Amino acid sequence: MASILLIEDDPLVRRGLQLALSRHGHEVRTADTGEEGLSELRTTTPDLVVLDLMLPGIDGVEVCRRIRATSELPVIMLTARGDDFDVVDGLAAGADDYVVKPARPTVLDARIRAVLRRSTSAPDGVRVHRDLRIDTTALTVSAHGEPVTLTPTELRLLLTLSRAPGRVFSRQQLLEEVWEHDYLGDSRLVDNCVQRLRAKIETNPATPEYVQTVRGFGYRFGPL
């Protein structure tokens, strides 16, 4: 059972998702505005936030930014459209995944469970690559001797790439392995997560040493 904070302003959608997710075994608290959701997070620590993109007052993108400023709490965004600029803004703000409304409870539940699984991995020891140290047992990362805090999705992406240095992963392969999307998914999920990961582990994200782009194919882990 996961503890979920659902931030959704539509009362019918909010109540429907609360009941459906509860039937899937989750403990669900709700908030109907961004302000109320942020206030709830100051007093409770859920396992994951389900966040509507279009909220009155503080919108979902800004709520996600504020969550990321102080926490690596997993965030799944709800959006009425799957191909607009708001989705890109939400992913850039740090969202781990998104679901297009009307959100089918079975799909949302599957995404929640997939995101929460990203914080676990089969241990194989410590991977050291120059100044980057990845402990796959403790699930910790350090760069230049300093700890690096990653979201579960960023960590799973780094673990996936670093297990096979030099191997090129296509965006679709990464969607399947990291996000567990078994269909032709949205490559923006991958690209935005790569940008956030680079900002945390690379000395110069503009010339990445570890998460390298292979143009026309995808990404690989260096240094080679």
C-alpha atoms as a PDB file:
ATOM      1  CA  MET A   1       0.000   0.000   0.000  1.00  0.00           C
ATOM      2  CA  ALA A   2       1.290   3.451  -0.911  1.00  0.00           C
ATOM      3  CA  SER A   3       0.418   6.759   0.677  1.00  0.00           C
ATOM      4  CA  ILE A   4      -0.776   9.114  -2.083  1.00  0.00           C
ATOM      5  CA  LEU A   5      -1.509  12.841  -2.054  1.00  0.00           C
ATOM      6  CA  LEU A   6      -3.962  13.664  -4.859  1.00  0.00           C
ATOM      7  CA  ILE A   7      -4.107  17.371  -5.791  1.00  0.00           C
ATOM      8  CA  GLU A   8      -7.092  17.873  -8.111  1.00  0.00           C
ATOM      9  CA  ASP A   9      -9.549  20.773  -8.256  1.00  0.00           C
ATOM     10  CA  ASP A  10     -12.459  18.977  -9.988  1.00  0.00           C
ATOM     11  CA  PRO A  11     -14.532  17.463  -7.135  1.00  0.00           C
ATOM     12  CA  LEU A  12     -15.977  14.636  -9.266  1.00  0.00           C
ATOM     13  CA  VAL A  13     -12.579  13.621 -10.649  1.00  0.00           C
ATOM     14  CA  ARG A  14     -10.992  13.968  -7.226  1.00  0.00           C
ATOM     15  CA  ARG A  15     -13.560  11.791  -5.497  1.00  0.00           C
ATOM     16  CA  GLY A  16     -13.611   9.222  -8.306  1.00  0.00           C
ATOM     17  CA  LEU A  17      -9.833   8.809  -8.318  1.00  0.00           C
ATOM     18  CA  GLN A  18      -9.688   8.737  -4.526  1.00  0.00           C
ATOM     19  CA  LEU A  19     -12.195   5.880  -4.395  1.00  0.00           C
ATOM     20  CA  ALA A  20     -10.594   3.992  -7.279  1.00  0.00           C
ATOM     21  CA  LEU A  21      -7.047   4.250  -5.917  1.00  0.00           C
ATOM     22  CA  SER A  22      -8.289   3.244  -2.477  1.00  0.00           C
ATOM     23  CA  ARG A  23      -9.785   0.119  -4.037  1.00  0.00           C
ATOM     24  CA  HIS A  24      -6.346  -0.594  -5.500  1.00  0.00           C
ATOM     25  CA  GLY A  25      -4.962  -0.608  -1.974  1.00  0.00           C
ATOM     26  CA  HIS A  26      -3.575   2.911  -1.647  1.00  0.00           C
ATOM     27  CA  GLU A  27      -4.106   5.348   1.185  1.00  0.00           C
ATOM     28  CA  VAL A  28      -5.250   8.571  -0.496  1.00  0.00           C
ATOM     29  CA  ARG A  29      -5.337  12.082   0.941  1.00  0.00           C
ATOM     30  CA  THR A  30      -6.676  14.899  -1.231  1.00  0.00           C
ATOM     31  CA  ALA A  31      -6.288  18.633  -1.794  1.00  0.00           C
ATOM     32  CA  ASP A  32      -8.288  20.777  -4.214  1.00  0.00           C
ATOM     33  CA  THR A  33      -5.756  23.600  -4.815  1.00  0.00           C
ATOM     34  CA  GLY A  34      -2.022  23.893  -5.210  1.00  0.00           C
ATOM     35  CA  GLU A  35      -1.828  25.980  -2.060  1.00  0.00           C
ATOM     36  CA  GLU A  36      -3.682  23.347  -0.040  1.00  0.00           C
ATOM     37  CA  GLY A  37      -1.494  20.593  -1.485  1.00  0.00           C
ATOM     38  CA  LEU A  38       1.714  22.405  -0.538  1.00  0.00           C
ATOM     39  CA  SER A  39       0.325  23.027   2.941  1.00  0.00           C
ATOM     40  CA  GLU A  40      -0.452  19.316   3.274  1.00  0.00           C
ATOM     41  CA  LEU A  41       3.122  18.462   2.301  1.00  0.00           C
ATOM     42  CA  ARG A  42       4.466  20.614   5.103  1.00  0.00           C
ATOM     43  CA  THR A  43       2.802  18.352   7.665  1.00  0.00           C
ATOM     44  CA  THR A  44       2.741  14.920   5.975  1.00  0.00           C
ATOM     45  CA  THR A  45       5.111  12.939   3.774  1.00  0.00           C
ATOM     46  CA  PRO A  46       3.283  10.747   1.249  1.00  0.00           C
ATOM     47  CA  ASP A  47       5.040   8.185  -0.928  1.00  0.00           C
ATOM     48  CA  LEU A  48       3.925   9.944  -4.109  1.00  0.00           C
ATOM     49  CA  VAL A  49       1.967  12.972  -5.359  1.00  0.00           C
ATOM     50  CA  VAL A  50      -0.617  12.803  -8.149  1.00  0.00           C
ATOM     51  CA  LEU A  51      -0.869  16.387  -9.363  1.00  0.00           C
ATOM     52  CA  ASP A  52      -3.360  17.977 -11.745  1.00  0.00           C
ATOM     53  CA  LEU A  53      -1.644  20.238 -14.245  1.00  0.00           C
ATOM     54  CA  MET A  54      -4.440  22.816 -14.503  1.00  0.00           C
ATOM     55  CA  LEU A  55      -5.133  24.126 -11.008  1.00  0.00           C
ATOM     56  CA  PRO A  56      -6.615  27.458  -9.937  1.00  0.00           C
ATOM     57  CA  GLY A  57      -4.158  29.811  -8.262  1.00  0.00           C
ATOM     58  CA  ILE A  58      -0.797  28.064  -8.146  1.00  0.00           C
ATOM     59  CA  ASP A  59      -0.832  25.716 -11.148  1.00  0.00           C
ATOM     60  CA  GLY A  60       0.548  22.202 -11.220  1.00  0.00           C
ATOM     61  CA  VAL A  61       3.835  23.192 -12.851  1.00  0.00           C
ATOM     62  CA  GLU A  62       4.618  25.669 -10.077  1.00  0.00           C
ATOM     63  CA  VAL A  63       3.541  23.178  -7.412  1.00  0.00           C
ATOM     64  CA  CYS A  64       5.942  20.636  -8.930  1.00  0.00           C
ATOM     65  CA  ARG A  65       8.773  23.195  -8.950  1.00  0.00           C
ATOM     66  CA  ARG A  66       8.185  23.967  -5.277  1.00  0.00           C
ATOM     67  CA  ILE A  67       8.135  20.273  -4.389  1.00  0.00           C
ATOM     68  CA  ARG A  68      11.423  19.769  -6.246  1.00  0.00           C
ATOM     69  CA  ALA A  69      13.011  22.732  -4.474  1.00  0.00           C
ATOM     70  CA  THR A  70      12.908  20.842  -1.173  1.00  0.00           C
ATOM     71  CA  SER A  71      12.171  17.179  -1.971  1.00  0.00           C
ATOM     72  CA  GLU A  72      12.721  14.312  -4.403  1.00  0.00           C
ATOM     73  CA  LEU A  73       9.175  13.058  -3.771  1.00  0.00           C
ATOM     74  CA  PRO A  74       7.852  11.221  -6.874  1.00  0.00           C
ATOM     75  CA  VAL A  75       5.280  13.224  -8.848  1.00  0.00           C
ATOM     76  CA  ILE A  76       2.844  12.029 -11.520  1.00  0.00           C
ATOM     77  CA  MET A  77       1.043  14.805 -13.355  1.00  0.00           C
ATOM     78  CA  LEU A  78      -2.502  14.661 -14.704  1.00  0.00           C
ATOM     79  CA  THR A  79      -3.086  16.608 -17.899  1.00  0.00           C
ATOM     80  CA  ALA A  80      -6.082  17.118 -20.143  1.00  0.00           C
ATOM     81  CA  ARG A  81      -3.846  17.122 -23.225  1.00  0.00           C
ATOM     82  CA  GLY A  82      -0.929  14.878 -24.057  1.00  0.00           C
ATOM     83  CA  ASP A  83       0.870  16.984 -26.639  1.00  0.00           C
ATOM     84  CA  ASP A  84       0.938  20.564 -25.398  1.00  0.00           C
ATOM     85  CA  PHE A  85       3.685  22.801 -24.057  1.00  0.00           C
ATOM     86  CA  ASP A  86       2.329  22.452 -20.521  1.00  0.00           C
ATOM     87  CA  VAL A  87       3.411  18.804 -20.472  1.00  0.00           C
ATOM     88  CA  VAL A  88       6.958  19.806 -21.409  1.00  0.00           C
ATOM     89  CA  ASP A  89       6.926  22.449 -18.656  1.00  0.00           C
ATOM     90  CA  GLY A  90       5.707  19.872 -16.158  1.00  0.00           C
ATOM     91  CA  LEU A  91       8.438  17.392 -17.062  1.00  0.00           C
ATOM     92  CA  ALA A  92      11.067  20.133 -16.962  1.00  0.00           C
ATOM     93  CA  ALA A  93       9.795  21.087 -13.501  1.00  0.00           C
ATOM     94  CA  GLY A  94      10.647  17.578 -12.329  1.00  0.00           C
ATOM     95  CA  ALA A  95       7.578  15.384 -12.831  1.00  0.00           C
ATOM     96  CA  ASP A  96       8.405  11.674 -13.079  1.00  0.00           C
ATOM     97  CA  ASP A  97       5.561  10.740 -15.407  1.00  0.00           C
ATOM     98  CA  TYR A  98       2.184  11.969 -16.612  1.00  0.00           C
ATOM     99  CA  VAL A  99      -1.225  10.523 -17.388  1.00  0.00           C
ATOM    100  CA  VAL A 100      -3.687  12.078 -19.827  1.00  0.00           C
ATOM    101  CA  LYS A 101      -7.227  12.704 -18.583  1.00  0.00           C
ATOM    102  CA  PRO A 102      -9.653  11.101 -18.308  1.00  0.00           C
ATOM    103  CA  ALA A 103      -7.291   8.989 -16.225  1.00  0.00           C
ATOM    104  CA  ARG A 104      -8.239   5.312 -16.127  1.00  0.00           C
ATOM    105  CA  PRO A 105      -7.671   4.130 -12.550  1.00  0.00           C
ATOM    106  CA  THR A 106      -5.954   0.923 -13.698  1.00  0.00           C
ATOM    107  CA  VAL A 107      -3.490   2.935 -15.796  1.00  0.00           C
ATOM    108  CA  LEU A 108      -2.836   5.444 -13.016  1.00  0.00           C
ATOM    109  CA  ASP A 109      -2.351   2.635 -10.495  1.00  0.00           C
ATOM    110  CA  ALA A 110       0.136   0.931 -12.819  1.00  0.00           C
ATOM    111  CA  ARG A 111       2.087   4.180 -13.251  1.00  0.00           C
ATOM    112  CA  ILE A 112       2.128   4.748  -9.478  1.00  0.00           C
ATOM    113  CA  ARG A 113       3.479   1.267  -8.818  1.00  0.00           C
ATOM    114  CA  ALA A 114       6.067   1.627 -11.599  1.00  0.00           C
ATOM    115  CA  VAL A 115       7.345   4.942 -10.208  1.00  0.00           C
ATOM    116  CA  LEU A 116       7.612   3.523  -6.698  1.00  0.00           C
ATOM    117  CA  ARG A 117       9.513   0.466  -7.976  1.00  0.00           C
ATOM    118  CA  ARG A 118      12.194   2.770  -9.388  1.00  0.00           C
ATOM    119  CA  SER A 119      13.649   3.324  -5.937  1.00  0.00           C
ATOM    120  CA  THR A 120      14.621  -0.373  -5.782  1.00  0.00           C
ATOM    121  CA  SER A 121      17.150  -2.281  -7.825  1.00  0.00           C
ATOM    122  CA  ALA A 122      18.906  -5.630  -7.806  1.00  0.00           C
ATOM    123  CA  PRO A 123      22.169  -4.923  -5.946  1.00  0.00           C
ATOM    124  CA  ASP A 124      25.462  -5.560  -7.696  1.00  0.00           C
ATOM    125  CA  GLY A 125      27.849  -3.484  -5.604  1.00  0.00           C
ATOM    126  CA  VAL A 126      29.537  -0.151  -6.166  1.00  0.00           C
ATOM    127  CA  ARG A 127      30.157   1.330  -9.612  1.00  0.00           C
ATOM    128  CA  VAL A 128      32.946   3.899  -9.784  1.00  0.00           C
ATOM    129  CA  HIS A 129      33.443   5.979 -12.928  1.00  0.00           C
ATOM    130  CA  ARG A 130      36.075   8.665 -12.454  1.00  0.00           C
ATOM    131  CA  ASP A 131      34.530  11.092  -9.944  1.00  0.00           C
ATOM    132  CA  LEU A 132      31.096   9.435  -9.987  1.00  0.00           C
ATOM    133  CA  ARG A 133      30.311   6.720  -7.406  1.00  0.00           C
ATOM    134  CA  ILE A 134      27.082   4.693  -7.609  1.00  0.00           C
ATOM    135  CA  ASP A 135      26.252   2.335  -4.753  1.00  0.00           C
ATOM    136  CA  THR A 136      23.582   0.001  -6.119  1.00  0.00           C
ATOM    137  CA  THR A 137      22.997  -1.618  -2.736  1.00  0.00           C
ATOM    138  CA  ALA A 138      22.522   1.543  -0.658  1.00  0.00           C
ATOM    139  CA  LEU A 139      21.056   3.333  -3.720  1.00  0.00           C
ATOM    140  CA  THR A 140      23.263   6.362  -3.174  1.00  0.00           C
ATOM    141  CA  VAL A 141      25.231   8.485  -5.627  1.00  0.00           C
ATOM    142  CA  SER A 142      28.127  10.872  -5.094  1.00  0.00           C
ATOM    143  CA  ALA A 143      30.068  13.111  -7.467  1.00  0.00           C
ATOM    144  CA  HIS A 144      33.426  14.639  -6.600  1.00  0.00           C
ATOM    145  CA  GLY A 145      33.011  13.203  -3.112  1.00  0.00           C
ATOM    146  CA  GLU A 146      29.734  15.019  -2.499  1.00  0.00           C
ATOM    147  CA  PRO A 147      26.373  13.228  -2.174  1.00  0.00           C
ATOM    148  CA  VAL A 148      23.925  13.715  -5.041  1.00  0.00           C
ATOM    149  CA  THR A 149      20.208  13.524  -4.345  1.00  0.00           C
ATOM    150  CA  LEU A 150      18.221  11.948  -7.183  1.00  0.00           C
ATOM    151  CA  THR A 151      14.536  11.247  -7.651  1.00  0.00           C
ATOM    152  CA  PRO A 152      13.629   7.551  -8.017  1.00  0.00           C
ATOM    153  CA  THR A 153      13.244   8.033 -11.768  1.00  0.00           C
ATOM    154  CA  GLU A 154      16.591   9.797 -12.150  1.00  0.00           C
ATOM    155  CA  LEU A 155      18.255   7.071 -10.079  1.00  0.00           C
ATOM    156  CA  ARG A 156      16.671   4.260 -12.114  1.00  0.00           C
ATOM    157  CA  LEU A 157      17.791   5.970 -15.340  1.00  0.00           C
ATOM    158  CA  LEU A 158      21.367   6.266 -14.044  1.00  0.00           C
ATOM    159  CA  LEU A 159      21.378   2.641 -12.843  1.00  0.00           C
ATOM    160  CA  THR A 160      20.072   1.437 -16.208  1.00  0.00           C
ATOM    161  CA  LEU A 161      22.623   3.355 -18.280  1.00  0.00           C
ATOM    162  CA  SER A 162      25.601   2.697 -15.990  1.00  0.00           C
ATOM    163  CA  ARG A 163      25.132  -1.059 -15.841  1.00  0.00           C
ATOM    164  CA  ALA A 164      26.416  -1.301 -19.426  1.00  0.00           C
ATOM    165  CA  PRO A 165      28.916   1.498 -20.182  1.00  0.00           C
ATOM    166  CA  GLY A 166      29.196   2.120 -23.918  1.00  0.00           C
ATOM    167  CA  ARG A 167      25.904   0.445 -24.776  1.00  0.00           C
ATOM    168  CA  VAL A 168      23.501   2.690 -26.657  1.00  0.00           C
ATOM    169  CA  PHE A 169      19.947   2.668 -25.324  1.00  0.00           C
ATOM    170  CA  SER A 170      17.194   3.987 -27.578  1.00  0.00           C
ATOM    171  CA  ARG A 171      14.602   6.253 -26.010  1.00  0.00           C
ATOM    172  CA  GLN A 172      12.014   3.505 -26.416  1.00  0.00           C
ATOM    173  CA  GLN A 173      14.254   1.003 -24.616  1.00  0.00           C
ATOM    174  CA  LEU A 174      14.655   3.455 -21.741  1.00  0.00           C
ATOM    175  CA  LEU A 175      10.900   4.080 -21.622  1.00  0.00           C
ATOM    176  CA  GLU A 176      10.363   0.330 -21.309  1.00  0.00           C
ATOM    177  CA  GLU A 177      13.085  -0.262 -18.696  1.00  0.00           C
ATOM    178  CA  VAL A 178      12.823   2.886 -16.566  1.00  0.00           C
ATOM    179  CA  TRP A 179       9.209   3.984 -16.975  1.00  0.00           C
ATOM    180  CA  GLU A 180       7.831   0.509 -17.772  1.00  0.00           C
ATOM    181  CA  HIS A 181       5.880   1.830 -20.743  1.00  0.00           C
ATOM    182  CA  ASP A 182       5.321  -1.153 -23.021  1.00  0.00           C
ATOM    183  CA  TYR A 183       4.056   0.903 -25.954  1.00  0.00           C
ATOM    184  CA  LEU A 184       5.445   3.656 -28.178  1.00  0.00           C
ATOM    185  CA  GLY A 185       5.751   6.222 -25.392  1.00  0.00           C
ATOM    186  CA  ASP A 186       6.614   9.875 -25.122  1.00  0.00           C
ATOM    187  CA  SER A 187      10.344  10.458 -25.614  1.00  0.00           C
ATOM    188  CA  ARG A 188      10.014  13.782 -23.777  1.00  0.00           C
ATOM    189  CA  LEU A 189       9.923  11.788 -20.539  1.00  0.00           C
ATOM    190  CA  VAL A 190      13.407  10.482 -21.320  1.00  0.00           C
ATOM    191  CA  ASP A 191      14.905  13.722 -22.626  1.00  0.00           C
ATOM    192  CA  ASN A 192      13.713  15.826 -19.700  1.00  0.00           C
ATOM    193  CA  CYS A 193      14.914  13.261 -17.158  1.00  0.00           C
ATOM    194  CA  VAL A 194      18.326  13.142 -18.880  1.00  0.00           C
ATOM    195  CA  GLN A 195      18.582  16.937 -18.627  1.00  0.00           C
ATOM    196  CA  ARG A 196      17.770  16.883 -14.913  1.00  0.00           C
ATOM    197  CA  LEU A 197      20.211  14.022 -14.282  1.00  0.00           C
ATOM    198  CA  ARG A 198      23.012  15.800 -16.137  1.00  0.00           C
ATOM    199  CA  ALA A 199      22.432  18.958 -14.117  1.00  0.00           C
ATOM    200  CA  LYS A 200      23.098  16.937 -10.959  1.00  0.00           C
ATOM    201  CA  ILE A 201      26.033  14.679 -11.891  1.00  0.00           C
ATOM    202  CA  GLU A 202      27.920  16.389 -14.711  1.00  0.00           C
ATOM    203  CA  THR A 203      30.642  18.972 -14.149  1.00  0.00           C
ATOM    204  CA  ASN A 204      29.435  20.723 -17.307  1.00  0.00           C
ATOM    205  CA  PRO A 205      25.980  19.520 -18.443  1.00  0.00           C
ATOM    206  CA  ALA A 206      26.555  21.137 -21.855  1.00  0.00           C
ATOM    207  CA  THR A 207      29.436  18.718 -22.502  1.00  0.00           C
ATOM    208  CA  PRO A 208      28.362  15.617 -20.571  1.00  0.00           C
ATOM    209  CA  GLU A 209      30.968  13.105 -19.509  1.00  0.00           C
ATOM    210  CA  TYR A 210      28.635  10.393 -18.197  1.00  0.00           C
ATOM    211  CA  VAL A 211      25.214  10.591 -19.881  1.00  0.00           C
ATOM    212  CA  GLN A 212      26.114  11.029 -23.519  1.00  0.00           C
ATOM    213  CA  THR A 213      23.829  11.585 -26.498  1.00  0.00           C
ATOM    214  CA  VAL A 214      24.221   9.379 -29.542  1.00  0.00           C
ATOM    215  CA  ARG A 215      22.477  11.456 -32.178  1.00  0.00           C
ATOM    216  CA  GLY A 216      19.775   9.640 -34.067  1.00  0.00           C
ATOM    217  CA  PHE A 217      19.858   6.688 -31.658  1.00  0.00           C
ATOM    218  CA  GLY A 218      19.553   7.564 -27.955  1.00  0.00           C
ATOM    219  CA  TYR A 219      21.885   7.672 -24.950  1.00  0.00           C
ATOM    220  CA  ARG A 220      24.875   5.802 -23.567  1.00  0.00           C
ATOM    221  CA  PHE A 221      26.878   5.921 -20.376  1.00  0.00           C
ATOM    222  CA  GLY A 222      30.518   7.051 -20.448  1.00  0.00           C
ATOM    223  CA  PRO A 223      33.287   7.773 -19.988  1.00  0.00           C
ATOM    224  CA  LEU A 224      34.444   5.453 -22.735  1.00  0.00           C
END
